[in-house]
Protein backbone atom coordinates (compact mmCIF):
# COMPACT_ATOMS: atom_id res chain seq x y z
CA MET A 1 -4.95 253.60 176.14
CA LEU A 2 -6.29 251.46 178.99
CA LEU A 3 -8.12 249.29 176.46
CA VAL A 4 -4.90 248.74 174.46
CA ALA A 5 -2.97 247.93 177.64
CA ASN A 6 -5.61 245.43 178.74
CA ILE A 7 -5.65 243.77 175.31
CA LEU A 8 -1.87 243.37 175.51
CA VAL A 9 -2.17 241.88 179.00
CA VAL A 10 -4.81 239.45 177.70
CA ILE A 11 -2.40 238.41 174.93
CA VAL A 12 0.38 237.71 177.45
CA ALA A 13 -2.06 235.80 179.68
CA PHE A 14 -3.27 233.79 176.68
CA LEU A 15 0.32 232.97 175.68
CA HIS A 16 1.05 231.63 179.15
CA ALA A 17 -2.14 229.61 179.25
CA GLY A 18 -0.97 228.10 175.96
CA PHE A 19 2.46 227.36 177.45
CA LEU A 20 0.68 225.61 180.33
CA VAL A 21 -1.20 223.37 177.92
CA LEU A 22 1.88 222.59 175.84
CA GLU A 23 4.14 221.87 178.80
CA MET A 24 1.68 220.02 181.01
CA PHE A 25 -0.30 218.02 178.47
CA TYR A 26 1.61 217.88 175.17
CA TRP A 27 5.26 217.75 176.20
CA ASP A 28 5.54 213.98 175.65
CA HIS A 29 3.24 214.02 172.61
CA PRO A 30 4.11 214.50 168.93
CA VAL A 31 2.72 218.06 169.02
CA GLY A 32 4.90 219.07 171.96
CA ARG A 33 7.97 217.26 170.68
CA LYS A 34 7.65 219.03 167.33
CA ARG A 35 7.02 222.45 168.92
CA PHE A 36 10.00 222.18 171.28
CA GLY A 37 12.26 220.07 169.03
CA LEU A 38 12.50 217.16 171.45
CA THR A 39 13.34 213.52 171.01
CA PRO A 40 10.84 210.98 172.38
CA GLU A 41 13.43 209.86 174.95
CA PHE A 42 14.08 213.37 176.21
CA SER A 43 10.41 214.36 176.31
CA LYS A 44 9.56 211.24 178.32
CA ALA A 45 12.44 211.77 180.76
CA SER A 46 11.67 215.46 181.30
CA ALA A 47 7.85 215.37 181.28
CA THR A 48 7.52 215.90 185.04
CA LEU A 49 9.83 218.92 184.95
CA ALA A 50 7.94 220.36 181.99
CA ALA A 51 4.61 219.88 183.77
CA ASN A 52 5.98 221.81 186.76
CA GLN A 53 7.14 224.59 184.44
CA GLY A 54 3.72 224.60 182.79
CA LEU A 55 2.06 225.00 186.16
CA TYR A 56 4.18 228.09 186.86
CA ASN A 57 3.14 229.51 183.49
CA GLY A 58 -0.46 228.88 184.48
CA PHE A 59 0.04 230.86 187.68
CA LEU A 60 1.47 233.76 185.67
CA SER A 61 -1.57 233.64 183.39
CA ALA A 62 -3.94 233.48 186.36
CA GLY A 63 -2.23 236.44 188.00
CA LEU A 64 -2.62 238.53 184.88
CA VAL A 65 -6.29 237.60 184.61
CA TRP A 66 -6.70 238.48 188.29
CA GLY A 67 -5.20 241.91 187.62
CA LEU A 68 -7.54 242.40 184.67
CA VAL A 69 -10.64 241.34 186.64
CA ARG A 70 -9.73 243.57 189.57
CA GLY A 71 -8.73 246.42 187.28
CA ASP A 72 -5.61 246.75 189.40
CA ALA A 73 -2.54 248.01 187.56
CA SER A 74 -0.19 247.00 190.38
CA ILE A 75 -1.22 243.33 190.05
CA LYS A 76 -0.77 243.47 186.28
CA ILE A 77 2.61 245.15 186.69
CA PHE A 78 3.81 242.57 189.21
CA PHE A 79 2.92 239.60 187.01
CA LEU A 80 4.21 241.26 183.83
CA VAL A 81 7.54 241.89 185.56
CA CYS A 82 7.61 238.22 186.60
CA VAL A 83 6.95 237.17 183.00
CA LEU A 84 9.60 239.59 181.73
CA ILE A 85 12.24 238.33 184.15
CA ALA A 86 11.42 234.69 183.34
CA GLY A 87 11.56 235.47 179.63
CA VAL A 88 14.92 237.23 179.84
CA TYR A 89 16.36 234.43 181.96
CA GLY A 90 15.02 231.77 179.60
CA GLY A 91 16.27 233.69 176.59
CA PHE A 92 19.81 233.73 177.92
CA THR A 93 19.89 230.26 179.49
CA ALA A 94 17.63 228.07 177.36
CA LYS A 95 16.69 229.40 173.94
CA ARG A 96 17.12 232.86 172.41
CA SER A 97 13.62 232.80 170.88
CA ILE A 98 12.13 232.99 174.39
CA LEU A 99 13.17 236.64 174.42
CA TYR A 100 10.80 237.31 171.52
CA ILE A 101 8.01 234.90 172.42
CA GLN A 102 7.78 235.64 176.14
CA ALA A 103 9.83 238.65 177.23
CA LEU A 104 9.03 241.06 174.40
CA PRO A 105 5.22 240.77 174.66
CA ALA A 106 5.50 241.21 178.44
CA LEU A 107 7.67 244.30 178.01
CA VAL A 108 5.28 245.87 175.50
CA ALA A 109 2.29 245.14 177.77
CA LEU A 110 4.18 246.49 180.78
CA ILE A 111 4.96 249.76 179.01
CA ALA A 112 1.32 250.05 177.91
CA VAL A 113 0.07 249.49 181.47
CA PHE A 114 2.43 252.21 182.76
CA VAL A 115 1.34 254.63 180.04
CA ALA A 116 -2.34 253.91 180.72
CA GLN A 117 -2.08 254.90 184.38
């Protein structure tokens, strides 16, 4: 079960590394605008905010990788809870799909980490 839990944590970490790339480097680019449904004017005006958000996603990814490298469930749990809270908040305040893209994978990984202990 530990292997399954770690694979799920890797998936969540990979998702957040992808969010970092999209938000920091492709927000004001046709790829990012298409992915997030943005107008060129809005993406240009909000690029700095998106880059900041991307950086936070990178820290979440790094924390999960740190937990994996250390083999420390408490580190993984902490960062998965952070991802889950951010995903629930984003799902209710920004876009409902964030619940499924961010919060649900974190919840599944979190349950797996608890079961694997």
